[in-house]
Protein backbone atom coordinates (compact mmCIF):
# COMPACT_ATOMS: atom_id res chain seq x y z
CA MET A 1 -89.17 136.96 -39.47
CA TYR A 2 -89.23 134.26 -42.52
CA ARG A 3 -87.32 136.40 -44.50
CA ARG A 4 -84.90 137.47 -42.01
CA TRP A 5 -84.23 133.66 -41.08
CA ALA A 6 -84.14 133.10 -45.17
CA ARG A 7 -81.77 135.42 -46.08
CA ALA A 8 -79.42 134.27 -43.05
CA HIS A 9 -79.95 130.57 -44.32
CA ALA A 10 -78.41 131.61 -47.69
CA VAL A 11 -75.47 133.42 -46.81
CA MET A 12 -74.63 130.54 -44.72
CA GLY A 13 -75.32 128.17 -47.79
CA THR A 14 -73.04 130.92 -49.69
CA ALA A 15 -70.25 130.93 -47.68
CA ALA A 16 -70.04 127.06 -47.02
CA LEU A 17 -70.28 126.90 -51.15
CA SER A 18 -67.24 128.92 -50.64
CA LEU A 19 -65.51 127.18 -48.53
CA LEU A 20 -65.55 123.78 -50.62
CA ALA A 21 -64.89 125.50 -53.33
CA ALA A 22 -61.36 126.97 -51.89
CA SER A 23 -60.66 123.41 -50.41
CA ALA A 24 -61.21 121.67 -53.62
CA ALA A 25 -58.86 124.46 -55.55
CA GLY A 26 -56.09 123.74 -52.72
CA ALA A 27 -56.26 120.10 -53.09
CA GLN A 28 -55.32 120.40 -56.75
CA ALA A 29 -52.66 123.22 -56.01
CA ALA A 30 -50.39 120.28 -53.94
CA PRO A 31 -46.85 120.29 -54.91
CA ALA A 32 -46.22 117.59 -57.45
CA ALA A 33 -43.53 114.37 -56.04
CA ASP A 34 -39.86 115.62 -57.20
CA PRO A 35 -38.43 114.52 -60.30
CA VAL A 36 -36.21 111.40 -60.08
CA ASP A 37 -32.74 111.52 -60.49
CA VAL A 38 -30.40 108.93 -60.57
CA GLU A 39 -26.67 108.86 -60.41
CA VAL A 40 -23.76 106.35 -61.32
CA GLN A 41 -20.82 105.97 -59.73
CA GLN A 42 -17.62 104.17 -61.21
CA SER A 43 -13.61 104.28 -59.85
CA PHE A 44 -11.05 101.92 -59.92
CA ASP A 45 -8.76 100.38 -57.25
CA HIS A 46 -6.07 100.83 -59.76
CA ASP A 47 -5.64 102.73 -62.89
CA VAL A 48 -2.93 100.05 -64.11
CA VAL A 49 -2.88 96.22 -64.39
CA THR A 50 -0.63 93.71 -65.96
CA PRO A 51 -1.17 90.56 -68.49
CA GLY A 52 -2.56 88.38 -66.09
CA GLY A 53 -3.45 90.39 -63.62
CA THR A 54 -6.76 91.30 -61.82
CA VAL A 55 -8.90 94.63 -62.35
CA ALA A 56 -11.24 95.81 -59.41
CA VAL A 57 -13.40 98.25 -60.30
CA ARG A 58 -16.38 99.69 -58.07
CA VAL A 59 -19.99 100.88 -59.06
CA SER A 60 -22.86 102.08 -57.43
CA ALA A 61 -26.36 103.91 -58.24
CA GLY A 62 -28.94 105.22 -56.26
CA ALA A 63 -31.15 108.23 -56.69
CA LEU A 64 -30.51 111.71 -55.74
CA THR A 65 -34.23 112.74 -55.72
CA GLY A 66 -37.61 111.03 -56.47
CA GLU A 67 -38.67 107.61 -55.69
CA VAL A 68 -37.24 104.73 -58.20
CA PRO A 69 -39.60 101.16 -57.77
CA HIS A 70 -37.41 99.79 -59.80
CA LEU A 71 -33.29 100.21 -59.85
CA ALA A 72 -30.41 97.41 -60.92
CA LEU A 73 -27.26 98.14 -62.42
CA LYS A 74 -25.49 96.94 -65.59
CA VAL A 75 -21.50 96.82 -66.36
CA ALA A 76 -20.24 96.15 -69.20
CA LEU A 77 -17.07 94.58 -69.51
CA PRO A 78 -14.36 94.81 -72.46
CA ALA A 79 -13.17 91.73 -74.18
CA GLY A 80 -9.99 90.80 -72.68
CA VAL A 81 -11.37 90.36 -69.02
CA THR A 82 -13.13 87.70 -67.25
CA TYR A 83 -15.67 88.20 -64.39
CA THR A 84 -14.37 86.51 -61.48
CA GLY A 85 -16.65 87.74 -58.55
CA THR A 86 -17.63 90.28 -56.08
CA SER A 87 -15.58 90.79 -53.12
CA ASP A 88 -16.69 91.06 -49.64
CA ASP A 89 -17.47 94.41 -48.88
CA SER A 90 -19.98 94.57 -51.91
CA GLY A 91 -22.44 93.82 -48.72
CA ASP A 92 -26.01 92.08 -50.14
CA ASP A 93 -26.16 93.08 -53.41
CA GLU A 94 -26.10 90.47 -55.94
CA CYS A 95 -24.21 90.49 -59.45
CA SER A 96 -24.18 87.99 -62.16
CA ALA A 97 -23.10 87.72 -65.98
CA SER A 98 -24.27 87.40 -68.64
CA ALA A 99 -24.42 84.25 -71.28
CA ASP A 100 -21.60 85.60 -73.60
CA GLY A 101 -19.81 87.13 -70.24
CA ARG A 102 -19.78 90.52 -71.18
CA THR A 103 -22.35 92.38 -69.18
CA LEU A 104 -23.08 92.07 -65.26
CA THR A 105 -26.84 92.49 -63.77
CA CYS A 106 -26.07 94.07 -60.50
CA VAL A 107 -29.35 94.18 -58.21
CA ARG A 108 -30.31 95.22 -54.77
CA GLY A 109 -30.22 92.55 -52.29
CA GLU A 110 -33.34 90.85 -49.94
CA GLY A 111 -35.83 93.70 -48.74
CA SER A 112 -33.41 97.13 -49.96
CA THR A 113 -35.23 99.70 -51.48
CA GLY A 114 -31.96 102.76 -51.71
CA SER A 115 -29.24 102.05 -53.89
CA VAL A 116 -27.47 99.22 -55.11
CA SER A 117 -23.34 99.01 -55.28
CA ALA A 118 -20.83 96.38 -56.23
CA HIS A 119 -17.12 95.88 -55.84
CA VAL A 120 -16.50 93.75 -59.16
CA LEU A 121 -13.62 91.50 -59.89
CA ALA A 122 -12.11 90.78 -63.39
CA LYS A 123 -9.16 89.02 -64.42
CA VAL A 124 -7.14 90.11 -67.47
CA GLY A 125 -5.97 87.24 -69.85
CA GLN A 126 -2.49 86.79 -70.35
CA ASP A 127 -2.56 87.15 -73.81
CA VAL A 128 -4.04 90.98 -74.18
CA PRO A 129 -1.25 93.14 -75.43
CA VAL A 130 0.37 95.93 -72.88
CA GLY A 131 -0.46 98.82 -73.85
CA THR A 132 -4.16 97.87 -74.31
CA GLU A 133 -6.73 100.69 -72.77
CA LEU A 134 -9.69 98.53 -70.99
CA SER A 135 -12.93 100.61 -70.92
CA PHE A 136 -15.62 99.32 -68.61
CA THR A 137 -19.21 101.33 -68.41
CA ALA A 138 -21.58 100.80 -66.33
CA THR A 139 -25.43 102.15 -66.52
CA ALA A 140 -28.24 102.56 -64.33
CA ASP A 141 -31.55 100.36 -65.24
CA ILE A 142 -34.39 102.44 -63.67
CA GLY A 143 -37.16 100.40 -65.32
CA ASP A 144 -40.40 102.45 -66.51
CA THR A 145 -39.32 105.81 -64.29
CA VAL A 146 -38.53 108.50 -66.03
CA ASP A 147 -35.26 110.81 -65.53
CA PRO A 148 -35.79 114.36 -67.30
CA LYS A 149 -31.56 114.66 -66.53
CA PRO A 150 -30.09 111.27 -67.70
CA ALA A 151 -26.67 112.00 -68.32
CA ASN A 152 -25.51 111.30 -65.09
CA ASN A 153 -27.42 107.72 -65.80
CA THR A 154 -24.14 106.24 -67.25
CA ARG A 155 -20.23 105.96 -66.24
CA THR A 156 -17.59 104.62 -68.00
CA GLY A 157 -13.73 104.34 -67.33
CA SER A 158 -10.49 102.53 -68.33
CA VAL A 159 -7.55 101.19 -67.20
CA ARG A 160 -4.36 100.39 -69.07
CA VAL A 161 -2.14 97.32 -69.48
CA ARG A 162 1.71 97.53 -68.88
CA GLN A 163 4.37 95.68 -68.57
CA PRO A 164 5.36 94.28 -64.85
CA GLY A 165 8.33 95.19 -62.83
CA ASP A 166 9.54 94.00 -59.74
CA LEU A 167 10.21 95.97 -56.52
CA GLY A 168 12.53 95.14 -53.56
CA ILE A 169 13.29 96.44 -50.45
CA ALA A 170 16.64 95.78 -48.15
CA TRP A 171 18.69 97.25 -45.52
CA GLN A 172 22.25 98.42 -45.32
CA ALA A 173 23.41 98.34 -42.23
CA PRO A 174 26.75 97.33 -40.12
CA ALA A 175 26.96 93.43 -39.85
CA GLY A 176 28.26 93.25 -36.24
CA PRO A 177 26.81 94.98 -32.78
CA VAL A 178 26.94 98.28 -32.33
CA LYS A 179 28.00 100.33 -29.67
CA PRO A 180 25.26 102.69 -27.13
CA GLY A 181 26.18 106.19 -27.68
CA GLN A 182 27.49 105.44 -31.54
CA ASP A 183 25.96 107.38 -34.66
CA VAL A 184 24.67 104.37 -36.28
CA ARG A 185 24.23 104.79 -40.07
CA THR A 186 22.11 103.01 -42.07
CA ALA A 187 20.13 102.55 -45.37
CA LEU A 188 16.80 101.49 -46.65
CA LEU A 189 17.31 100.88 -50.42
CA VAL A 190 14.22 100.29 -52.63
CA THR A 191 15.71 98.81 -56.07
CA ASN A 192 13.20 97.75 -59.28
CA HIS A 193 14.45 94.99 -60.89
CA GLY A 194 12.71 95.63 -63.89
CA PRO A 195 11.75 94.82 -66.26
CA GLY A 196 8.98 97.42 -66.45
CA ALA A 197 8.44 100.71 -64.30
CA VAL A 198 6.86 100.56 -61.52
CA PRO A 199 5.38 103.28 -59.41
CA LEU A 200 6.24 103.54 -55.41
CA GLN A 201 3.73 105.85 -53.09
CA ALA A 202 5.54 105.03 -49.70
CA VAL A 203 7.29 102.74 -47.41
CA ARG A 204 6.27 102.02 -43.81
CA LEU A 205 8.10 100.92 -40.78
CA ASP A 206 6.96 99.44 -37.62
CA MET A 207 8.27 101.28 -34.71
CA ASP A 208 6.88 99.05 -32.06
CA HIS A 209 10.07 99.53 -29.87
CA SER A 210 11.25 102.63 -28.02
CA TYR A 211 13.86 103.47 -29.84
CA GLY A 212 13.46 105.98 -32.61
CA PRO A 213 15.97 107.25 -35.40
CA LYS A 214 18.14 109.92 -34.45
CA THR A 215 18.06 111.59 -38.04
CA MET A 216 15.78 110.11 -41.25
CA ASP A 217 14.90 110.90 -45.11
CA PRO A 218 13.27 114.36 -44.88
CA GLY A 219 10.52 112.42 -46.92
CA CYS A 220 10.03 110.39 -43.64
CA TRP A 221 7.51 111.59 -41.28
CA TRP A 222 6.36 110.39 -37.98
CA ASP A 223 2.93 108.45 -36.98
CA PRO A 224 2.24 106.92 -33.78
CA TYR A 225 4.01 104.28 -33.59
CA VAL A 226 5.18 104.07 -37.42
CA ILE A 227 7.54 106.17 -39.20
CA THR A 228 6.43 106.87 -43.28
CA CYS A 229 8.54 107.26 -45.99
CA ASP A 230 6.58 109.41 -49.22
CA VAL A 231 7.93 108.79 -52.72
CA PHE A 232 4.83 109.17 -55.07
CA ARG A 233 6.70 108.39 -58.36
CA GLU A 234 8.09 105.65 -60.71
CA VAL A 235 11.22 103.99 -60.23
CA ALA A 236 12.54 102.69 -63.55
CA PRO A 237 14.23 99.77 -64.20
CA GLY A 238 17.30 98.71 -62.37
CA GLU A 239 17.23 102.25 -60.44
CA THR A 240 17.52 102.35 -56.68
CA VAL A 241 15.85 104.59 -54.26
CA THR A 242 17.97 105.18 -51.33
CA LEU A 243 16.44 106.46 -47.88
CA PRO A 244 19.00 107.58 -44.94
CA PHE A 245 18.67 107.08 -41.71
CA THR A 246 20.98 107.37 -38.02
CA TRP A 247 20.49 105.31 -35.03
CA ASN A 248 21.95 106.36 -31.81
CA PHE A 249 21.01 103.88 -28.63
CA PRO A 250 20.94 104.90 -25.18
CA ALA A 251 22.99 102.90 -22.27
CA GLU A 252 20.06 100.99 -21.48
CA ALA A 253 19.71 99.50 -24.77
CA ALA A 254 23.21 97.59 -23.63
CA GLY A 255 22.37 93.88 -25.07
CA THR A 256 19.30 94.12 -26.92
CA THR A 257 18.48 93.31 -30.46
CA GLN A 258 16.28 95.87 -32.04
CA ARG A 259 14.40 94.85 -35.29
CA VAL A 260 12.49 97.34 -38.05
CA PRO A 261 10.03 95.67 -39.57
CA THR A 262 9.78 97.62 -43.22
CA ALA A 263 7.21 97.46 -45.80
CA LEU A 264 5.73 98.63 -49.44
CA TYR A 265 2.98 101.02 -47.83
CA ASP A 266 1.03 100.14 -50.56
CA SER A 267 2.09 97.02 -53.40
CA SER A 268 1.41 98.13 -57.05
CA PRO A 269 -0.51 95.89 -58.97
CA LEU A 270 2.55 96.17 -61.87
CA ASP A 271 4.95 94.68 -59.03
CA GLY A 272 4.87 91.26 -60.25
CA ASN A 273 7.50 89.91 -57.32
CA PRO A 274 5.54 90.49 -53.84
CA ALA A 275 7.89 88.20 -52.02
CA ASN A 276 10.52 90.61 -51.38
CA ASP A 277 8.12 93.59 -50.48
CA LYS A 278 9.49 93.17 -47.17
CA ALA A 279 12.49 93.87 -45.04
CA THR A 280 13.18 93.82 -41.38
CA LEU A 281 16.39 95.84 -39.81
CA VAL A 282 18.31 93.94 -37.26
CA LEU A 283 20.27 96.07 -34.71
CA ASN A 284 22.69 93.84 -32.22
CA VAL A 285 23.28 96.44 -29.43
CA ALA A 286 26.87 95.53 -27.72
CA LYS A 287 26.96 94.98 -24.19
CA GLY A 288 28.93 97.73 -22.02
CA THR A 289 28.71 101.24 -21.32
CA ALA A 290 27.85 103.91 -23.91
CA THR A 291 30.43 105.30 -25.88
CA PRO A 292 30.90 109.17 -24.19
CA THR A 293 31.46 112.19 -26.72
CA ALA A 294 34.78 114.09 -26.87
CA LYS A 295 34.98 117.08 -24.60
CA PRO A 296 37.50 119.41 -25.34
CA THR A 297 39.28 120.07 -21.85
CA ALA A 298 40.92 123.64 -20.89
CA THR A 299 44.65 123.16 -19.82
CA PRO A 300 44.94 124.94 -16.07
CA THR A 301 47.27 128.16 -15.77
CA PRO A 302 49.76 128.16 -13.11
CA THR A 303 49.16 130.78 -10.67
CA HIS A 304 52.39 130.85 -9.14
CA SER A 305 55.93 128.88 -9.74
CA PRO A 306 56.70 126.38 -7.25
CA THR A 307 59.66 127.25 -4.57
CA ALA A 308 62.00 123.81 -4.25
CA THR A 309 62.79 122.78 -1.01
CA PRO A 310 66.13 123.88 0.33
CA GLN A 311 68.34 120.96 1.48
CA PRO A 312 71.35 120.86 4.60
CA THR A 313 74.68 121.00 3.11
CA SER A 314 75.68 119.58 6.42
CA THR A 315 74.61 117.62 9.58
CA PRO A 316 76.16 120.36 12.85
CA THR A 317 78.43 118.44 15.13
CA PRO A 318 76.47 118.65 18.67
CA THR A 319 78.41 120.52 21.37
CA ALA A 320 76.88 120.42 24.69
CA SER A 321 74.53 122.97 24.69
CA THR A 322 72.24 121.51 22.20
CA THR A 323 70.75 118.44 21.02
CA ALA A 324 71.10 116.60 17.51
CA PRO A 325 67.47 116.30 16.21
CA ALA A 326 65.19 113.21 16.13
CA THR A 327 65.64 111.14 12.87
CA GLY A 328 62.55 110.47 10.87
CA THR A 329 61.48 113.79 11.08
CA THR A 330 59.25 116.18 7.96
CA PRO A 331 59.76 119.73 7.78
CA GLN A 332 56.31 121.80 7.94
CA GLY A 333 56.11 125.21 6.63
CA GLY A 334 53.49 127.14 4.97
CA ASP A 335 50.28 127.61 6.48
CA GLY A 336 50.37 126.79 9.90
CA GLY A 337 53.69 129.66 10.92
CA GLN A 338 54.60 126.42 13.03
CA LEU A 339 58.30 126.42 13.81
CA ALA A 340 60.15 123.51 12.33
CA ALA A 341 60.42 120.33 14.30
CA THR A 342 63.92 120.35 15.43
CA GLY A 343 63.79 124.07 17.16
CA THR A 344 62.19 124.45 20.44
CA GLY A 345 63.73 121.58 22.83
CA ASN A 346 66.89 122.52 21.92
CA LEU A 347 66.75 126.28 22.84
CA THR A 348 65.61 125.42 26.05
CA THR A 349 68.48 122.88 26.96
CA ALA A 350 70.95 125.23 26.05
CA ALA A 351 68.79 128.29 28.12
CA ALA A 352 69.24 125.74 31.15
CA ALA A 353 73.11 125.03 30.94
CA ALA A 354 73.66 129.16 30.28
CA ALA A 355 72.30 129.34 33.63
CA ALA A 356 73.70 126.86 35.48
CA LEU A 357 77.07 128.10 34.31
CA THR A 358 76.72 131.42 35.31
CA VAL A 359 75.34 130.02 38.84
CA ALA A 360 78.49 128.43 39.11
CA SER A 361 80.57 131.27 38.44
CA GLY A 362 78.98 133.49 40.15
CA ALA A 363 79.31 131.46 43.73
CA LEU A 364 83.00 130.70 42.80
CA ALA A 365 83.26 134.23 42.65
CA LEU A 366 82.08 134.83 45.99
CA GLY A 367 84.01 132.25 47.22
CA LEU A 368 87.64 133.72 46.52
CA ARG A 369 85.71 137.19 48.03
CA ARG A 370 85.82 135.43 51.44
CA ARG A 371 88.78 133.95 51.39
CA ARG A 372 90.61 136.79 50.58
CA ARG A 373 88.74 138.63 53.46
CA GLN A 374 89.71 135.85 55.73
CA HIS A 375 93.48 136.29 55.25
């Protein structure tokens, strides 16, 4: 009995030891933490700038995988530019410049454990020559953390210094009132007054009233309450881009003033005079009814030739058996089958006279016969 108990106890002990060994092996085989992979992004609001203009560059750094206890972002500025600060959309992250002004260090805001980002603004010196390439480099600072793939820890980009131009817009339209129902042709003119070429992306028309154009340039399209005209090319000095529009206002617009505020959709940093980037089309609709559109009318084809009304050549002299017709009467004929107004009354009088004459003649003849018989 003792041997059996000892043998069972030994088996249980061996099983427990095996379970503990397996647990220890499993703990040692637990998957390791993901390796760190930090990525830096950099982009420019515009890829060109003028002497004296401002470069806006957006930079960010964040871990794609793994955890980074310490994360900062350093931005190297080129010669000829001066850091002026960050924009409002940089969030709570903060940037500071080195003593020589050539390097910015941007860190997470208080309590932040995620990525770090900033919208950096830098002013270009007036003496920077046209054609200069201004290079900016952003690099992630991860402290003692090891990134097995450091290639995406740095980004470099540049903007080009160019000569400014002057884009200006204006409307070409009738000076006086326009009539309702009348086609009114206008043209939106975008002119580069120079001296440098300027890229033109689009023009925007604010249509907050109910009367849109009848026709417009093929490059224009409707968005709710807005017409956008795409151009997307550079305009040479002295060149004018013309966008035609035709308007036609209904009768209910009579006596109103139609206004169409217009502006460049996105002003280029090469446009040195933004004051003339806006214009308003003003059309005064005259009072009165709409001008009808002329329509051809068919010439009626006569179905029969009119017949002249016969005129009497003379008025007959009345006799004892007739009565002259009353003056001022109008002959009627045609659809009613009626006799002329001079007919029935005169015939009745003549018949009565003839009957009386016949009776009188008969009485006289009868009297003569009676006298002859008496003699």
